């Protein structure tokens, strides 16, 4: 493991990037053993809760008051948001995703299998079969067990947020997670946002000094990259006496890239007292995931089995998935304590996956 950045951020992120998480992300390459079409279906069903959880995290933790910084006022805040995956999203049904080439190895087995967020017990065995050109019976070309999940109670995302006030009642915000490398995986994040003071245009409400109303919009993006090792030896050298032929001796350019983006717009209100602030927000959020399996991969061409060979074909960049994690309303309620310039805040967000966020910072208004 390579340690490259501040210990506090690294330790928080390793909760997310523990060895079980790394293995679960990189081992999904096995899902393409039955071909690209089935691989896409399995990968999306398996990773959807990760996209939902991380996407929800990305849209949280942007504010702890509706009050906008005065010109050159600023804050720097370390925040940890954690999304909770509902029980219903911890499994998916293999019978419901429309597999074409892969099948359940034993029909009597349950068809439910863990998602990324599910149990650490593996799912049922899957197999790729073809008609044996010699005897006419089933020829099992490859067989593997559906993968387990990481089974942690919440999916955390740490970040550092900074904001500064500029004229016209505007606050510019940014957030950042330095790129962290753990084993063969790396992850980094950045985001930008803006908050605008609405109360400056409503003179009658400015008579209430503790009341603040604003609107905000923000965008966050997180990228992860994992090295993959998927060699043709996984298929063995022959099946039923028919040799496995073709492909390269070594595949060394394989990589899994997962990108998630979050967009949020919120109306904010807060009551800012000398020591404590109560705040809330209501608005719209949306998150998207992109999953790319890059490089060259050896796949069995199950449609062209001959008596003398089981052919391997090289497929380049076999997976390119894009899917929406969530699009809808998001509501937050929370509080902030301030002693001198030191702040602590905590809040709860209701969205597709509920989130708890907490942070510690320095603020000068």
Protein backbone atom coordinates (compact mmCIF):
# COMPACT_ATOMS: atom_id res chain seq x y z
CA UNK A 1 0.00 0.00 0.00
CA UNK A 2 1.28 3.47 -0.88
CA UNK A 3 0.55 6.29 1.55
CA UNK A 4 0.78 9.64 -0.22
CA UNK A 5 -1.44 12.14 1.59
CA UNK A 6 -2.56 13.45 4.95
CA UNK A 7 -3.27 10.68 7.43
CA UNK A 8 -6.69 11.92 8.51
CA UNK A 9 -8.08 11.86 4.96
CA UNK A 10 -6.38 8.57 4.16
CA UNK A 11 -7.76 6.80 7.24
CA UNK A 12 -11.29 8.02 6.58
CA UNK A 13 -11.13 6.95 2.95
CA UNK A 14 -9.77 3.51 3.77
CA UNK A 15 -13.11 2.77 5.42
CA UNK A 16 -14.46 2.93 1.89
CA UNK A 17 -11.43 1.45 0.15
CA UNK A 18 -10.74 -1.55 2.39
CA UNK A 19 -9.47 -4.76 0.82
CA UNK A 20 -12.98 -6.17 0.50
CA UNK A 21 -14.05 -3.10 -1.47
CA UNK A 22 -11.05 -3.23 -3.78
CA UNK A 23 -11.57 -6.94 -4.42
CA UNK A 24 -15.28 -6.48 -5.10
CA UNK A 25 -14.64 -3.74 -7.65
CA UNK A 26 -11.80 -5.46 -9.49
CA UNK A 27 -13.30 -8.95 -9.48
CA UNK A 28 -16.40 -7.81 -11.36
CA UNK A 29 -14.34 -8.46 -14.49
CA UNK A 30 -15.42 -12.09 -14.06
CA UNK A 31 -18.92 -11.02 -15.07
CA UNK A 32 -17.75 -10.69 -18.69
CA UNK A 33 -16.79 -14.37 -18.90
CA UNK A 34 -20.17 -15.05 -20.48
CA UNK A 35 -19.80 -12.25 -23.02
CA UNK A 36 -20.15 -8.47 -23.13
CA UNK A 37 -23.95 -8.30 -23.14
CA UNK A 38 -24.41 -10.38 -19.99
CA UNK A 39 -21.38 -8.70 -18.44
CA UNK A 40 -23.00 -5.27 -18.75
CA UNK A 41 -26.20 -6.47 -17.10
CA UNK A 42 -24.38 -8.11 -14.20
CA UNK A 43 -21.99 -5.22 -13.61
CA UNK A 44 -24.75 -2.61 -13.56
CA UNK A 45 -26.97 -4.65 -11.22
CA UNK A 46 -24.01 -5.34 -8.90
CA UNK A 47 -22.64 -1.78 -8.81
CA UNK A 48 -25.94 0.17 -8.78
CA UNK A 49 -26.05 0.51 -4.94
CA UNK A 50 -22.46 1.81 -4.94
CA UNK A 51 -23.45 4.43 -7.50
CA UNK A 52 -26.55 5.33 -5.49
CA UNK A 53 -24.63 5.63 -2.21
CA UNK A 54 -21.67 7.56 -3.56
CA UNK A 55 -23.89 9.73 -5.75
CA UNK A 56 -25.98 10.66 -2.73
CA UNK A 57 -22.82 11.42 -0.72
CA UNK A 58 -21.62 13.73 -3.48
CA UNK A 59 -24.71 15.93 -3.15
CA UNK A 60 -24.48 16.22 0.65
CA UNK A 61 -22.27 18.25 2.96
CA UNK A 62 -22.23 21.46 0.95
CA UNK A 63 -23.54 23.84 3.63
CA UNK A 64 -24.13 24.31 7.35
CA UNK A 65 -25.96 27.63 7.18
CA UNK A 66 -27.99 29.66 4.71
CA UNK A 67 -25.96 32.72 5.64
CA UNK A 68 -23.60 33.88 2.90
CA UNK A 69 -20.08 34.98 3.78
CA UNK A 70 -19.43 38.71 3.65
CA UNK A 71 -16.78 39.83 1.17
CA UNK A 72 -13.55 37.90 1.89
CA UNK A 73 -15.18 36.02 4.73
CA UNK A 74 -14.32 32.33 4.46
CA UNK A 75 -14.50 28.88 5.95
CA UNK A 76 -12.54 25.66 5.59
CA UNK A 77 -14.40 22.56 6.76
CA UNK A 78 -13.59 18.85 6.85
CA UNK A 79 -16.81 16.86 6.35
CA UNK A 80 -17.59 13.15 6.37
CA UNK A 81 -20.88 12.08 4.76
CA UNK A 82 -22.16 8.51 5.01
CA UNK A 83 -25.05 7.06 2.98
CA UNK A 84 -27.09 4.09 4.17
CA UNK A 85 -28.13 1.41 1.67
CA UNK A 86 -31.64 -0.01 2.22
CA UNK A 87 -31.97 -3.75 2.68
CA UNK A 88 -33.84 -4.11 -0.61
CA UNK A 89 -30.76 -2.94 -2.54
CA UNK A 90 -28.37 -5.45 -0.99
CA UNK A 91 -29.37 -8.22 -3.39
CA UNK A 92 -30.54 -8.56 -6.98
CA UNK A 93 -32.28 -11.43 -8.76
CA UNK A 94 -30.29 -13.08 -11.54
CA UNK A 95 -33.56 -14.27 -13.05
CA UNK A 96 -34.77 -10.69 -13.54
CA UNK A 97 -31.90 -9.12 -15.51
CA UNK A 98 -32.31 -11.03 -18.78
CA UNK A 99 -29.11 -13.08 -19.03
CA UNK A 100 -28.59 -14.45 -22.54
CA UNK A 101 -25.51 -16.66 -22.50
CA UNK A 102 -24.83 -17.35 -18.83
CA UNK A 103 -27.08 -19.62 -16.80
CA UNK A 104 -27.45 -20.75 -13.19
CA UNK A 105 -25.25 -23.83 -12.86
CA UNK A 106 -27.69 -25.60 -10.58
CA UNK A 107 -31.34 -24.68 -11.24
CA UNK A 108 -32.30 -25.57 -7.67
CA UNK A 109 -30.10 -22.77 -6.30
CA UNK A 110 -31.71 -19.47 -5.18
CA UNK A 111 -31.33 -16.81 -7.86
CA UNK A 112 -30.82 -13.89 -5.45
CA UNK A 113 -27.21 -12.75 -5.26
CA UNK A 114 -25.41 -9.96 -3.35
CA UNK A 115 -24.90 -6.51 -4.80
CA UNK A 116 -21.80 -4.50 -3.97
CA UNK A 117 -23.57 -3.48 -0.73
CA UNK A 118 -24.68 -6.99 0.13
CA UNK A 119 -23.49 -9.97 2.13
CA UNK A 120 -19.92 -11.25 2.09
CA UNK A 121 -21.32 -14.67 1.17
CA UNK A 122 -21.02 -15.34 -2.54
CA UNK A 123 -24.02 -15.94 -4.79
CA UNK A 124 -24.91 -18.93 -6.98
CA UNK A 125 -22.61 -20.49 -9.55
CA UNK A 126 -22.94 -19.26 -13.12
CA UNK A 127 -21.73 -21.09 -16.21
CA UNK A 128 -21.25 -20.59 -19.93
CA UNK A 129 -22.20 -23.67 -21.94
CA UNK A 130 -22.25 -24.59 -25.64
CA UNK A 131 -23.19 -27.58 -27.72
CA UNK A 132 -20.33 -30.08 -27.84
CA UNK A 133 -19.49 -30.53 -31.57
CA UNK A 134 -18.19 -34.03 -30.87
CA UNK A 135 -20.92 -35.66 -28.80
CA UNK A 136 -23.76 -33.15 -28.93
CA UNK A 137 -24.05 -32.84 -25.15
CA UNK A 138 -23.44 -29.71 -23.04
CA UNK A 139 -19.89 -28.42 -23.06
CA UNK A 140 -19.19 -26.26 -19.99
CA UNK A 141 -16.75 -23.59 -21.15
CA UNK A 142 -16.33 -21.58 -17.94
CA UNK A 143 -17.87 -21.55 -14.49
CA UNK A 144 -17.66 -19.00 -11.67
CA UNK A 145 -19.49 -17.95 -8.54
CA UNK A 146 -21.41 -14.64 -8.38
CA UNK A 147 -19.48 -12.21 -6.23
CA UNK A 148 -20.00 -11.20 -2.65
CA UNK A 149 -20.51 -7.65 -1.38
CA UNK A 150 -18.58 -5.59 1.15
CA UNK A 151 -21.36 -5.57 3.80
CA UNK A 152 -20.51 -2.38 5.67
CA UNK A 153 -23.25 -0.39 7.45
CA UNK A 154 -22.68 2.92 5.64
CA UNK A 155 -20.72 4.21 2.65
CA UNK A 156 -18.58 7.19 3.67
CA UNK A 157 -17.05 9.96 1.60
CA UNK A 158 -14.65 12.40 3.30
CA UNK A 159 -13.94 15.79 1.80
CA UNK A 160 -12.48 19.21 2.49
CA UNK A 161 -14.74 22.13 1.60
CA UNK A 162 -13.65 25.75 1.34
CA UNK A 163 -15.79 28.83 0.68
CA UNK A 164 -15.17 32.56 0.31
CA UNK A 165 -17.53 35.51 0.07
CA UNK A 166 -17.39 37.97 -2.81
CA UNK A 167 -19.43 41.12 -3.46
CA UNK A 168 -23.15 41.09 -4.35
CA UNK A 169 -24.09 38.51 -1.73
CA UNK A 170 -22.31 35.65 -3.47
CA UNK A 171 -20.27 32.85 -1.96
CA UNK A 172 -17.98 30.63 -4.04
CA UNK A 173 -17.48 27.08 -2.76
CA UNK A 174 -15.12 24.27 -3.62
CA UNK A 175 -14.39 20.81 -2.28
CA UNK A 176 -11.51 18.45 -2.75
CA UNK A 177 -10.31 14.97 -1.85
CA UNK A 178 -6.64 14.44 -2.75
CA UNK A 179 -6.02 11.42 -4.96
CA UNK A 180 -5.36 8.44 -2.72
CA UNK A 181 -3.72 5.19 -3.79
CA UNK A 182 -4.56 1.95 -1.99
CA UNK A 183 -3.16 -1.32 -3.32
CA UNK A 184 -3.96 -1.17 -7.08
CA UNK A 185 -6.77 1.38 -6.76
CA UNK A 186 -6.79 5.17 -6.69
CA UNK A 187 -9.56 7.66 -5.96
CA UNK A 188 -9.86 11.45 -6.13
CA UNK A 189 -12.64 14.02 -6.00
CA UNK A 190 -13.35 17.69 -6.72
CA UNK A 191 -16.42 19.91 -6.75
CA UNK A 192 -17.51 23.53 -7.18
CA UNK A 193 -20.58 25.45 -6.09
CA UNK A 194 -22.12 28.87 -5.57
CA UNK A 195 -24.46 30.27 -2.90
CA UNK A 196 -26.51 33.44 -3.31
CA UNK A 197 -28.16 35.59 -0.62
CA UNK A 198 -31.86 35.90 -1.41
CA UNK A 199 -32.72 37.91 1.69
CA UNK A 200 -30.93 40.99 0.36
CA UNK A 201 -33.86 41.43 -2.05
CA UNK A 202 -36.57 41.10 0.62
CA UNK A 203 -36.15 44.14 2.91
CA UNK A 204 -39.05 43.23 5.17
CA UNK A 205 -37.39 39.95 6.20
CA UNK A 206 -34.09 41.66 6.90
CA UNK A 207 -35.71 42.99 10.05
CA UNK A 208 -35.19 39.53 11.55
CA UNK A 209 -31.42 39.45 12.13
CA UNK A 210 -31.18 35.73 12.88
CA UNK A 211 -32.99 34.70 9.69
CA UNK A 212 -31.08 33.87 6.51
CA UNK A 213 -32.38 32.61 3.17
CA UNK A 214 -30.27 31.66 0.16
CA UNK A 215 -30.09 29.41 -2.86
CA UNK A 216 -27.18 27.27 -3.99
CA UNK A 217 -26.07 25.04 -6.84
CA UNK A 218 -23.14 22.63 -6.89
CA UNK A 219 -21.41 19.95 -8.93
CA UNK A 220 -19.10 17.18 -7.66
CA UNK A 221 -17.14 14.53 -9.49
CA UNK A 222 -15.29 11.50 -8.14
CA UNK A 223 -13.00 9.22 -10.17
CA UNK A 224 -11.60 5.83 -9.22
CA UNK A 225 -9.23 3.62 -11.17
CA UNK A 226 -8.31 -0.02 -10.49
CA UNK A 227 -5.79 -2.28 -12.18
CA UNK A 228 -7.24 -5.55 -13.52
CA UNK A 229 -5.58 -8.92 -14.10
CA UNK A 230 -7.76 -11.10 -16.35
CA UNK A 231 -5.76 -13.76 -18.22
CA UNK A 232 -6.90 -16.50 -20.61
CA UNK A 233 -5.57 -19.15 -18.19
CA UNK A 234 -8.84 -18.65 -16.27
CA UNK A 235 -10.53 -20.86 -18.89
CA UNK A 236 -8.09 -23.76 -18.60
CA UNK A 237 -6.26 -25.40 -21.50
CA UNK A 238 -9.06 -27.67 -22.75
CA UNK A 239 -12.63 -28.87 -22.16
CA UNK A 240 -13.81 -32.40 -22.96
CA UNK A 241 -10.57 -32.90 -24.87
CA UNK A 242 -11.07 -29.82 -27.05
CA UNK A 243 -8.16 -27.35 -26.70
CA UNK A 244 -8.66 -23.69 -25.85
CA UNK A 245 -6.74 -21.72 -28.47
CA UNK A 246 -6.08 -18.12 -29.46
CA UNK A 247 -5.53 -14.94 -27.54
CA UNK A 248 -2.31 -13.40 -26.27
CA UNK A 249 0.16 -14.86 -23.82
CA UNK A 250 -0.21 -11.91 -21.46
CA UNK A 251 -2.71 -9.08 -20.99
CA UNK A 252 -1.17 -6.14 -19.18
CA UNK A 253 -3.25 -3.09 -20.13
CA UNK A 254 -6.47 -3.76 -18.23
CA UNK A 255 -8.12 -1.14 -16.04
CA UNK A 256 -11.49 -0.50 -14.42
CA UNK A 257 -12.53 3.16 -14.25
CA UNK A 258 -15.59 4.30 -12.31
CA UNK A 259 -16.72 7.91 -12.47
CA UNK A 260 -19.59 9.43 -10.50
CA UNK A 261 -21.07 12.90 -10.81
CA UNK A 262 -23.48 14.73 -8.54
CA UNK A 263 -25.59 17.83 -9.29
CA UNK A 264 -27.68 19.63 -6.68
CA UNK A 265 -29.70 22.85 -6.40
CA UNK A 266 -31.15 23.83 -3.04
CA UNK A 267 -33.17 26.53 -1.30
CA UNK A 268 -31.68 27.12 2.16
CA UNK A 269 -32.97 28.68 5.35
CA UNK A 270 -31.27 29.06 8.72
CA UNK A 271 -31.65 30.68 12.11
CA UNK A 272 -28.15 31.88 13.05
CA UNK A 273 -27.79 32.49 16.77
CA UNK A 274 -24.52 33.50 18.47
CA UNK A 275 -23.48 29.94 19.38
CA UNK A 276 -25.86 27.63 17.55
CA UNK A 277 -27.36 27.62 14.07
CA UNK A 278 -30.32 25.59 12.90
CA UNK A 279 -30.47 25.07 9.15
CA UNK A 280 -32.40 23.21 6.49
CA UNK A 281 -32.55 22.81 2.75
CA UNK A 282 -34.96 21.56 0.11
CA UNK A 283 -34.14 21.03 -3.55
CA UNK A 284 -33.31 18.73 -6.41
CA UNK A 285 -30.38 16.37 -6.78
CA UNK A 286 -29.17 14.06 -9.51
CA UNK A 287 -26.25 11.66 -9.76
CA UNK A 288 -24.78 9.67 -12.63
CA UNK A 289 -22.31 6.78 -12.90
CA UNK A 290 -19.95 5.75 -15.68
CA UNK A 291 -18.23 2.35 -15.61
CA UNK A 292 -15.51 1.58 -18.18
CA UNK A 293 -13.58 -1.65 -18.46
CA UNK A 294 -10.58 -0.63 -20.54
CA UNK A 295 -7.89 -2.63 -22.31
CA UNK A 296 -7.85 -6.04 -24.01
CA UNK A 297 -9.70 -9.06 -22.57
CA UNK A 298 -9.76 -12.71 -23.70
CA UNK A 299 -13.31 -14.04 -24.15
CA UNK A 300 -14.51 -17.43 -25.36
CA UNK A 301 -16.32 -17.30 -28.70
CA UNK A 302 -19.07 -19.74 -27.71
CA UNK A 303 -20.80 -19.45 -31.10
CA UNK A 304 -17.86 -20.91 -33.04
CA UNK A 305 -16.83 -24.03 -31.15
CA UNK A 306 -15.30 -26.68 -33.43
CA UNK A 307 -14.14 -30.28 -32.81
CA UNK A 308 -10.55 -29.09 -32.83
CA UNK A 309 -10.75 -25.83 -30.94
CA UNK A 310 -12.50 -23.60 -28.43
CA UNK A 311 -11.54 -20.15 -29.77
CA UNK A 312 -10.46 -17.19 -27.65
CA UNK A 313 -11.08 -13.73 -29.10
CA UNK A 314 -9.60 -10.48 -27.80
CA UNK A 315 -12.16 -7.78 -27.02
CA UNK A 316 -10.97 -4.21 -26.52
CA UNK A 317 -12.72 -1.90 -24.02
CA UNK A 318 -15.65 -4.31 -23.57
CA UNK A 319 -17.70 -2.36 -21.01
CA UNK A 320 -18.86 1.26 -21.30
CA UNK A 321 -21.84 1.78 -19.00
CA UNK A 322 -23.64 5.02 -18.14
CA UNK A 323 -26.61 5.06 -15.79
CA UNK A 324 -28.53 7.45 -13.57
CA UNK A 325 -28.30 6.69 -9.86
CA UNK A 326 -30.94 9.10 -8.60
CA UNK A 327 -32.92 12.08 -9.76
CA UNK A 328 -35.35 13.72 -7.36
CA UNK A 329 -35.97 15.71 -4.19
CA UNK A 330 -33.47 16.04 -1.38
CA UNK A 331 -34.20 17.47 2.08
CA UNK A 332 -31.69 18.30 4.82
CA UNK A 333 -32.03 19.42 8.44
CA UNK A 334 -29.16 20.08 10.82
CA UNK A 335 -27.37 22.25 13.36
CA UNK A 336 -24.02 23.98 13.75
CA UNK A 337 -22.14 24.97 16.90
CA UNK A 338 -19.61 27.80 16.79
CA UNK A 339 -17.09 28.73 19.45
CA UNK A 340 -14.87 31.64 18.38
CA UNK A 341 -13.87 30.64 14.84
CA UNK A 342 -14.22 26.86 15.35
CA UNK A 343 -17.37 25.17 14.04
CA UNK A 344 -18.92 21.73 14.35
CA UNK A 345 -21.98 20.70 12.38
CA UNK A 346 -24.14 17.63 11.87
CA UNK A 347 -27.13 17.03 9.63
CA UNK A 348 -29.44 14.40 8.21
CA UNK A 349 -30.46 14.26 4.55
CA UNK A 350 -33.45 12.45 3.17
CA UNK A 351 -33.02 11.30 -0.45
CA UNK A 352 -33.07 7.94 -2.23
CA UNK A 353 -30.44 6.82 0.30
CA UNK A 354 -30.52 8.67 3.61
CA UNK A 355 -27.30 10.37 4.70
CA UNK A 356 -25.69 11.53 7.92
CA UNK A 357 -23.00 14.21 7.62
CA UNK A 358 -20.75 15.78 10.24
CA UNK A 359 -17.90 18.23 9.99
CA UNK A 360 -15.33 20.33 11.82
CA UNK A 361 -14.06 23.62 10.48
CA UNK A 362 -12.81 27.16 10.83
CA UNK A 363 -15.11 30.03 9.82
CA UNK A 364 -14.58 33.78 9.65
CA UNK A 365 -17.66 35.61 8.39
